[in-house]
Amino acid sequence: MPSDAPDSWWLADLARELEMPVVTLYGWIRRGWLKSQSVKGQRVAYADRKELARLRKLRQQQLRFRPATRTQGKNA
């Protein structure tokens, strides 16, 4: 844990816990979906058990509604 707060997470640790890329967490922070602050030049997010469950659900929704990848090539 990055601080005395029991629900604080380094973004890399939170990404591992949620099994997702760190860059996605930065997007969520930018959109206001995840609370964080800068500590010693690193982002620290705050998520208790309830928030972790919400973030997992959000991740699953994003995976489910991801647009299909376009195929490359002239005849594709």
C-alpha atoms as a PDB file:
ATOM      1  CA  MET A   1       0.000   0.000   0.000  1.00  0.00           C
ATOM      2  CA  PRO A   2       1.359   3.406  -0.926  1.00  0.00           C
ATOM      3  CA  SER A   3       0.202   5.226   2.213  1.00  0.00           C
ATOM      4  CA  ASP A   4      -1.400   4.755   5.611  1.00  0.00           C
ATOM      5  CA  ALA A   5      -4.820   4.570   3.942  1.00  0.00           C
ATOM      6  CA  PRO A   6      -5.801   0.887   3.805  1.00  0.00           C
ATOM      7  CA  ASP A   7      -7.717   1.318   0.557  1.00  0.00           C
ATOM      8  CA  SER A   8      -4.957   3.060  -1.404  1.00  0.00           C
ATOM      9  CA  TRP A   9      -3.374   1.351  -4.398  1.00  0.00           C
ATOM     10  CA  TRP A  10      -0.461   2.072  -6.698  1.00  0.00           C
ATOM     11  CA  LEU A  11      -1.994   1.977 -10.178  1.00  0.00           C
ATOM     12  CA  ALA A  12       0.186  -0.959 -11.260  1.00  0.00           C
ATOM     13  CA  ASP A  13      -0.997  -2.983  -8.247  1.00  0.00           C
ATOM     14  CA  LEU A  14      -4.637  -2.083  -8.852  1.00  0.00           C
ATOM     15  CA  ALA A  15      -4.297  -3.009 -12.539  1.00  0.00           C
ATOM     16  CA  ARG A  16      -2.895  -6.420 -11.522  1.00  0.00           C
ATOM     17  CA  GLU A  17      -5.718  -6.921  -9.030  1.00  0.00           C
ATOM     18  CA  LEU A  18      -8.314  -6.082 -11.688  1.00  0.00           C
ATOM     19  CA  GLU A  19      -6.417  -7.976 -14.437  1.00  0.00           C
ATOM     20  CA  MET A  20      -6.343  -5.027 -16.809  1.00  0.00           C
ATOM     21  CA  PRO A  21      -3.881  -2.553 -18.364  1.00  0.00           C
ATOM     22  CA  VAL A  22      -2.690   0.422 -16.320  1.00  0.00           C
ATOM     23  CA  VAL A  23      -3.467   2.711 -19.266  1.00  0.00           C
ATOM     24  CA  THR A  24      -7.170   1.878 -18.851  1.00  0.00           C
ATOM     25  CA  LEU A  25      -7.027   3.064 -15.247  1.00  0.00           C
ATOM     26  CA  TYR A  26      -5.508   6.369 -16.405  1.00  0.00           C
ATOM     27  CA  GLY A  27      -8.455   6.726 -18.783  1.00  0.00           C
ATOM     28  CA  TRP A  28     -10.883   6.107 -15.944  1.00  0.00           C
ATOM     29  CA  ILE A  29      -9.114   8.715 -13.814  1.00  0.00           C
ATOM     30  CA  ARG A  30      -9.320  11.225 -16.669  1.00  0.00           C
ATOM     31  CA  ARG A  31     -13.058  10.512 -17.033  1.00  0.00           C
ATOM     32  CA  GLY A  32     -13.622  10.850 -13.271  1.00  0.00           C
ATOM     33  CA  TRP A  33     -14.551   7.164 -12.837  1.00  0.00           C
ATOM     34  CA  LEU A  34     -11.661   6.472 -10.431  1.00  0.00           C
ATOM     35  CA  LYS A  35     -10.459   8.737  -7.633  1.00  0.00           C
ATOM     36  CA  SER A  36      -6.719   9.226  -7.353  1.00  0.00           C
ATOM     37  CA  GLN A  37      -4.000  11.663  -6.421  1.00  0.00           C
ATOM     38  CA  SER A  38      -0.311  12.088  -7.072  1.00  0.00           C
ATOM     39  CA  VAL A  39       2.043  10.876  -4.332  1.00  0.00           C
ATOM     40  CA  LYS A  40       5.783  11.286  -4.890  1.00  0.00           C
ATOM     41  CA  GLY A  41       5.214  11.537  -8.632  1.00  0.00           C
ATOM     42  CA  GLN A  42       3.115   8.355  -8.787  1.00  0.00           C
ATOM     43  CA  ARG A  43      -0.674   8.023  -9.085  1.00  0.00           C
ATOM     44  CA  VAL A  44      -2.410   6.467  -6.104  1.00  0.00           C
ATOM     45  CA  ALA A  45      -6.008   5.286  -6.492  1.00  0.00           C
ATOM     46  CA  TYR A  46      -8.483   4.703  -3.680  1.00  0.00           C
ATOM     47  CA  ALA A  47     -10.666   1.598  -3.767  1.00  0.00           C
ATOM     48  CA  ASP A  48     -12.219  -0.342  -0.898  1.00  0.00           C
ATOM     49  CA  ARG A  49     -13.942  -3.717  -1.413  1.00  0.00           C
ATOM     50  CA  LYS A  50     -17.135  -2.088  -2.657  1.00  0.00           C
ATOM     51  CA  GLU A  51     -15.220   0.107  -5.110  1.00  0.00           C
ATOM     52  CA  LEU A  52     -13.185  -2.880  -6.338  1.00  0.00           C
ATOM     53  CA  ALA A  53     -16.432  -4.686  -7.119  1.00  0.00           C
ATOM     54  CA  ARG A  54     -17.699  -1.634  -9.032  1.00  0.00           C
ATOM     55  CA  LEU A  55     -14.450  -1.379 -10.997  1.00  0.00           C
ATOM     56  CA  ARG A  56     -14.551  -5.093 -11.878  1.00  0.00           C
ATOM     57  CA  LYS A  57     -18.105  -4.677 -13.146  1.00  0.00           C
ATOM     58  CA  LEU A  58     -17.091  -1.608 -15.158  1.00  0.00           C
ATOM     59  CA  ARG A  59     -14.208  -3.572 -16.695  1.00  0.00           C
ATOM     60  CA  GLN A  60     -16.509  -6.432 -17.682  1.00  0.00           C
ATOM     61  CA  GLN A  61     -18.952  -3.987 -19.278  1.00  0.00           C
ATOM     62  CA  GLN A  62     -16.130  -2.425 -21.276  1.00  0.00           C
ATOM     63  CA  LEU A  63     -14.982  -5.827 -22.531  1.00  0.00           C
ATOM     64  CA  ARG A  64     -18.511  -6.813 -23.485  1.00  0.00           C
ATOM     65  CA  PHE A  65     -19.229  -3.658 -25.464  1.00  0.00           C
ATOM     66  CA  ARG A  66     -15.865  -3.295 -27.168  1.00  0.00           C
ATOM     67  CA  PRO A  67     -16.378  -2.564 -30.864  1.00  0.00           C
ATOM     68  CA  ALA A  68     -15.427  -5.323 -33.257  1.00  0.00           C
ATOM     69  CA  THR A  69     -11.996  -5.009 -34.827  1.00  0.00           C
ATOM     70  CA  ARG A  70     -11.963  -4.081 -38.441  1.00  0.00           C
ATOM     71  CA  THR A  71     -10.222  -6.436 -40.810  1.00  0.00           C
ATOM     72  CA  GLN A  72      -7.464  -5.251 -43.063  1.00  0.00           C
ATOM     73  CA  GLY A  73      -7.133  -5.807 -46.755  1.00  0.00           C
ATOM     74  CA  LYS A  74      -8.968  -5.082 -49.926  1.00  0.00           C
ATOM     75  CA  ASN A  75     -11.104  -8.255 -50.007  1.00  0.00           C
ATOM     76  CA  ALA A  76     -11.719  -8.547 -46.277  1.00  0.00           C
END
